[in-house]
Amino acid sequence: MHSKAVLEGGPNDLPERIVPISDPGKDLKIPHCGGYEHLKITSRHQDSSEGQLAVYDWWERTEVAE
C-alpha cells in the first residue's frame, strides 16, 4: 500500500494537492513545468477524504537544464 501526502505552498497550478509517496518521511521532488518543485515533510497532518495525511511544505524550485 502506498502512502499519500498533502502538498502546501508552491505554484497554484500544481495538478494535484494530494499525491502518492513511495518513501514516507523523505523530502519530495515533483516534476512540474520543466523543473522540479521541492517539498519538505512537516510534523503536521491534515484530515482529507483519504484519511489523515502527512503535510509537506514547498521550499524551492529547480529548473531542468536543456
N, C-alpha and C. Protein backbone atom coordinates (compact mmCIF):
# COMPACT_ATOMS: atom_id res chain seq x y z
N MET A 1 0.84 -1.20 0.00
CA MET A 1 0.00 0.00 0.00
C MET A 1 0.88 1.25 0.00
N HIS A 2 0.55 2.18 -0.86
CA HIS A 2 1.31 3.42 -0.93
C HIS A 2 0.70 4.45 0.00
N SER A 3 1.55 5.25 0.63
CA SER A 3 1.10 6.37 1.45
C SER A 3 0.78 7.54 0.54
N LYS A 4 0.06 8.49 1.09
CA LYS A 4 -0.22 9.73 0.36
C LYS A 4 0.12 10.90 1.25
N ALA A 5 0.29 12.07 0.63
CA ALA A 5 0.63 13.28 1.35
C ALA A 5 -0.14 14.46 0.79
N VAL A 6 -0.29 15.50 1.63
CA VAL A 6 -0.91 16.76 1.23
C VAL A 6 0.21 17.76 0.96
N LEU A 7 0.14 18.45 -0.18
CA LEU A 7 1.14 19.45 -0.53
C LEU A 7 0.61 20.85 -0.22
N GLU A 8 1.44 21.66 0.44
CA GLU A 8 1.07 23.05 0.73
C GLU A 8 2.12 23.98 0.14
N GLY A 9 1.65 25.11 -0.39
CA GLY A 9 2.55 26.10 -0.96
C GLY A 9 2.92 25.73 -2.39
N GLY A 10 3.88 26.48 -2.92
CA GLY A 10 4.32 26.24 -4.29
C GLY A 10 3.37 26.84 -5.31
N PRO A 11 3.56 26.48 -6.56
CA PRO A 11 2.75 27.06 -7.64
C PRO A 11 1.27 26.71 -7.50
N ASN A 12 0.43 27.67 -7.84
CA ASN A 12 -1.02 27.45 -7.78
C ASN A 12 -1.49 26.43 -8.81
N ASP A 13 -0.68 26.21 -9.87
CA ASP A 13 -1.13 25.31 -10.94
C ASP A 13 -0.61 23.88 -10.79
N LEU A 14 -0.13 23.51 -9.60
CA LEU A 14 0.21 22.10 -9.40
C LEU A 14 -1.05 21.28 -9.65
N PRO A 15 -0.96 20.22 -10.44
CA PRO A 15 -2.17 19.48 -10.81
C PRO A 15 -2.82 18.73 -9.65
N GLU A 16 -2.05 18.32 -8.67
CA GLU A 16 -2.60 17.56 -7.55
C GLU A 16 -2.09 18.14 -6.24
N ARG A 17 -2.92 18.14 -5.23
CA ARG A 17 -2.51 18.57 -3.88
C ARG A 17 -2.45 17.39 -2.91
N ILE A 18 -3.02 16.25 -3.32
CA ILE A 18 -2.85 15.00 -2.59
C ILE A 18 -2.14 14.06 -3.55
N VAL A 19 -0.94 13.61 -3.16
CA VAL A 19 -0.11 12.81 -4.05
C VAL A 19 0.36 11.53 -3.36
N PRO A 20 0.59 10.47 -4.16
CA PRO A 20 1.17 9.26 -3.57
C PRO A 20 2.64 9.50 -3.25
N ILE A 21 3.12 8.90 -2.18
CA ILE A 21 4.54 8.98 -1.84
C ILE A 21 5.07 7.57 -1.63
N SER A 22 6.27 7.31 -2.12
CA SER A 22 6.84 5.97 -2.03
C SER A 22 7.75 5.81 -0.82
N ASP A 23 8.25 6.93 -0.29
CA ASP A 23 9.19 6.87 0.83
C ASP A 23 8.78 7.88 1.90
N PRO A 24 7.78 7.54 2.72
CA PRO A 24 7.28 8.49 3.73
C PRO A 24 8.39 9.02 4.62
N GLY A 25 8.33 10.31 4.91
CA GLY A 25 9.33 10.94 5.77
C GLY A 25 10.47 11.58 5.02
N LYS A 26 10.63 11.25 3.74
CA LYS A 26 11.68 11.85 2.91
C LYS A 26 11.11 13.04 2.15
N ASP A 27 11.99 14.00 1.81
CA ASP A 27 11.56 15.15 1.02
C ASP A 27 11.02 14.68 -0.33
N LEU A 28 10.12 15.49 -0.92
CA LEU A 28 9.55 15.17 -2.22
C LEU A 28 10.14 16.06 -3.30
N LYS A 29 10.25 15.51 -4.50
CA LYS A 29 10.72 16.23 -5.68
C LYS A 29 9.72 15.90 -6.78
N ILE A 30 8.90 16.89 -7.15
CA ILE A 30 7.80 16.66 -8.08
C ILE A 30 8.07 17.38 -9.39
N PRO A 31 8.10 16.64 -10.52
CA PRO A 31 8.28 17.30 -11.82
C PRO A 31 7.10 18.21 -12.13
N HIS A 32 7.42 19.44 -12.61
CA HIS A 32 6.35 20.39 -12.91
C HIS A 32 6.89 21.48 -13.83
N CYS A 33 6.27 21.66 -14.98
CA CYS A 33 6.57 22.76 -15.91
C CYS A 33 8.06 22.91 -16.21
N GLY A 34 8.72 21.83 -16.59
CA GLY A 34 10.12 21.89 -16.99
C GLY A 34 11.10 22.00 -15.84
N GLY A 35 10.66 21.73 -14.64
CA GLY A 35 11.56 21.78 -13.48
C GLY A 35 11.04 20.86 -12.39
N TYR A 36 11.49 21.09 -11.18
CA TYR A 36 11.04 20.30 -10.04
C TYR A 36 10.63 21.20 -8.89
N GLU A 37 9.54 20.84 -8.26
CA GLU A 37 9.11 21.50 -7.03
C GLU A 37 9.57 20.63 -5.88
N HIS A 38 10.25 21.24 -4.91
CA HIS A 38 10.79 20.50 -3.76
C HIS A 38 9.95 20.81 -2.52
N LEU A 39 9.56 19.76 -1.81
CA LEU A 39 8.73 19.91 -0.62
C LEU A 39 9.34 19.11 0.52
N LYS A 40 9.27 19.71 1.72
CA LYS A 40 9.82 19.07 2.93
C LYS A 40 8.69 18.60 3.83
N ILE A 41 8.93 17.46 4.45
CA ILE A 41 7.96 16.91 5.40
C ILE A 41 7.84 17.84 6.60
N THR A 42 6.65 17.96 7.14
CA THR A 42 6.43 18.73 8.36
C THR A 42 5.97 17.75 9.45
N SER A 43 5.79 18.24 10.64
CA SER A 43 5.26 17.40 11.72
C SER A 43 3.73 17.42 11.73
N ARG A 44 3.14 18.18 10.81
CA ARG A 44 1.68 18.34 10.77
C ARG A 44 1.01 17.24 9.95
N HIS A 45 -0.25 17.01 10.26
CA HIS A 45 -1.11 16.12 9.49
C HIS A 45 -2.41 16.84 9.19
N GLN A 46 -3.08 16.42 8.13
CA GLN A 46 -4.33 17.06 7.73
C GLN A 46 -5.36 15.98 7.42
N ASP A 47 -6.58 16.20 7.90
CA ASP A 47 -7.67 15.29 7.56
C ASP A 47 -8.08 15.54 6.12
N SER A 48 -8.31 14.47 5.39
CA SER A 48 -8.74 14.59 4.00
C SER A 48 -9.77 13.50 3.72
N SER A 49 -10.29 13.50 2.52
CA SER A 49 -11.25 12.46 2.13
C SER A 49 -10.56 11.09 2.09
N GLU A 50 -9.23 11.08 2.12
CA GLU A 50 -8.47 9.83 2.08
C GLU A 50 -7.85 9.50 3.43
N GLY A 51 -8.36 10.13 4.50
CA GLY A 51 -7.84 9.88 5.84
C GLY A 51 -6.88 10.97 6.28
N GLN A 52 -6.19 10.73 7.38
CA GLN A 52 -5.23 11.72 7.89
C GLN A 52 -3.90 11.54 7.17
N LEU A 53 -3.44 12.62 6.52
CA LEU A 53 -2.23 12.55 5.69
C LEU A 53 -1.16 13.50 6.21
N ALA A 54 0.09 13.11 5.99
CA ALA A 54 1.23 13.98 6.32
C ALA A 54 1.20 15.21 5.42
N VAL A 55 1.64 16.35 5.96
CA VAL A 55 1.69 17.60 5.21
C VAL A 55 3.14 17.89 4.81
N TYR A 56 3.35 18.21 3.54
CA TYR A 56 4.65 18.61 3.01
C TYR A 56 4.56 20.06 2.57
N ASP A 57 5.54 20.88 2.96
CA ASP A 57 5.59 22.30 2.59
C ASP A 57 6.57 22.52 1.46
N TRP A 58 6.15 23.33 0.49
CA TRP A 58 7.03 23.71 -0.62
C TRP A 58 8.18 24.55 -0.08
N TRP A 59 9.39 24.34 -0.61
CA TRP A 59 10.51 25.18 -0.17
C TRP A 59 11.38 25.69 -1.30
N GLU A 60 11.38 25.07 -2.48
CA GLU A 60 12.13 25.64 -3.60
C GLU A 60 11.76 24.95 -4.90
N ARG A 61 12.18 25.60 -5.98
CA ARG A 61 12.01 25.07 -7.32
C ARG A 61 13.38 25.02 -7.98
N THR A 62 13.64 23.95 -8.72
CA THR A 62 14.85 23.88 -9.53
C THR A 62 14.44 23.69 -10.97
N GLU A 63 15.22 24.24 -11.87
CA GLU A 63 14.96 24.12 -13.31
C GLU A 63 15.75 22.95 -13.87
N VAL A 64 15.20 22.33 -14.92
CA VAL A 64 15.91 21.26 -15.62
C VAL A 64 16.74 21.90 -16.72
N ALA A 65 18.03 21.58 -16.75
CA ALA A 65 18.91 22.11 -17.81
C ALA A 65 18.54 21.49 -19.14
N GLU A 66 18.51 22.33 -20.17
CA GLU A 66 18.17 21.83 -21.51
C GLU A 66 19.39 21.46 -22.27
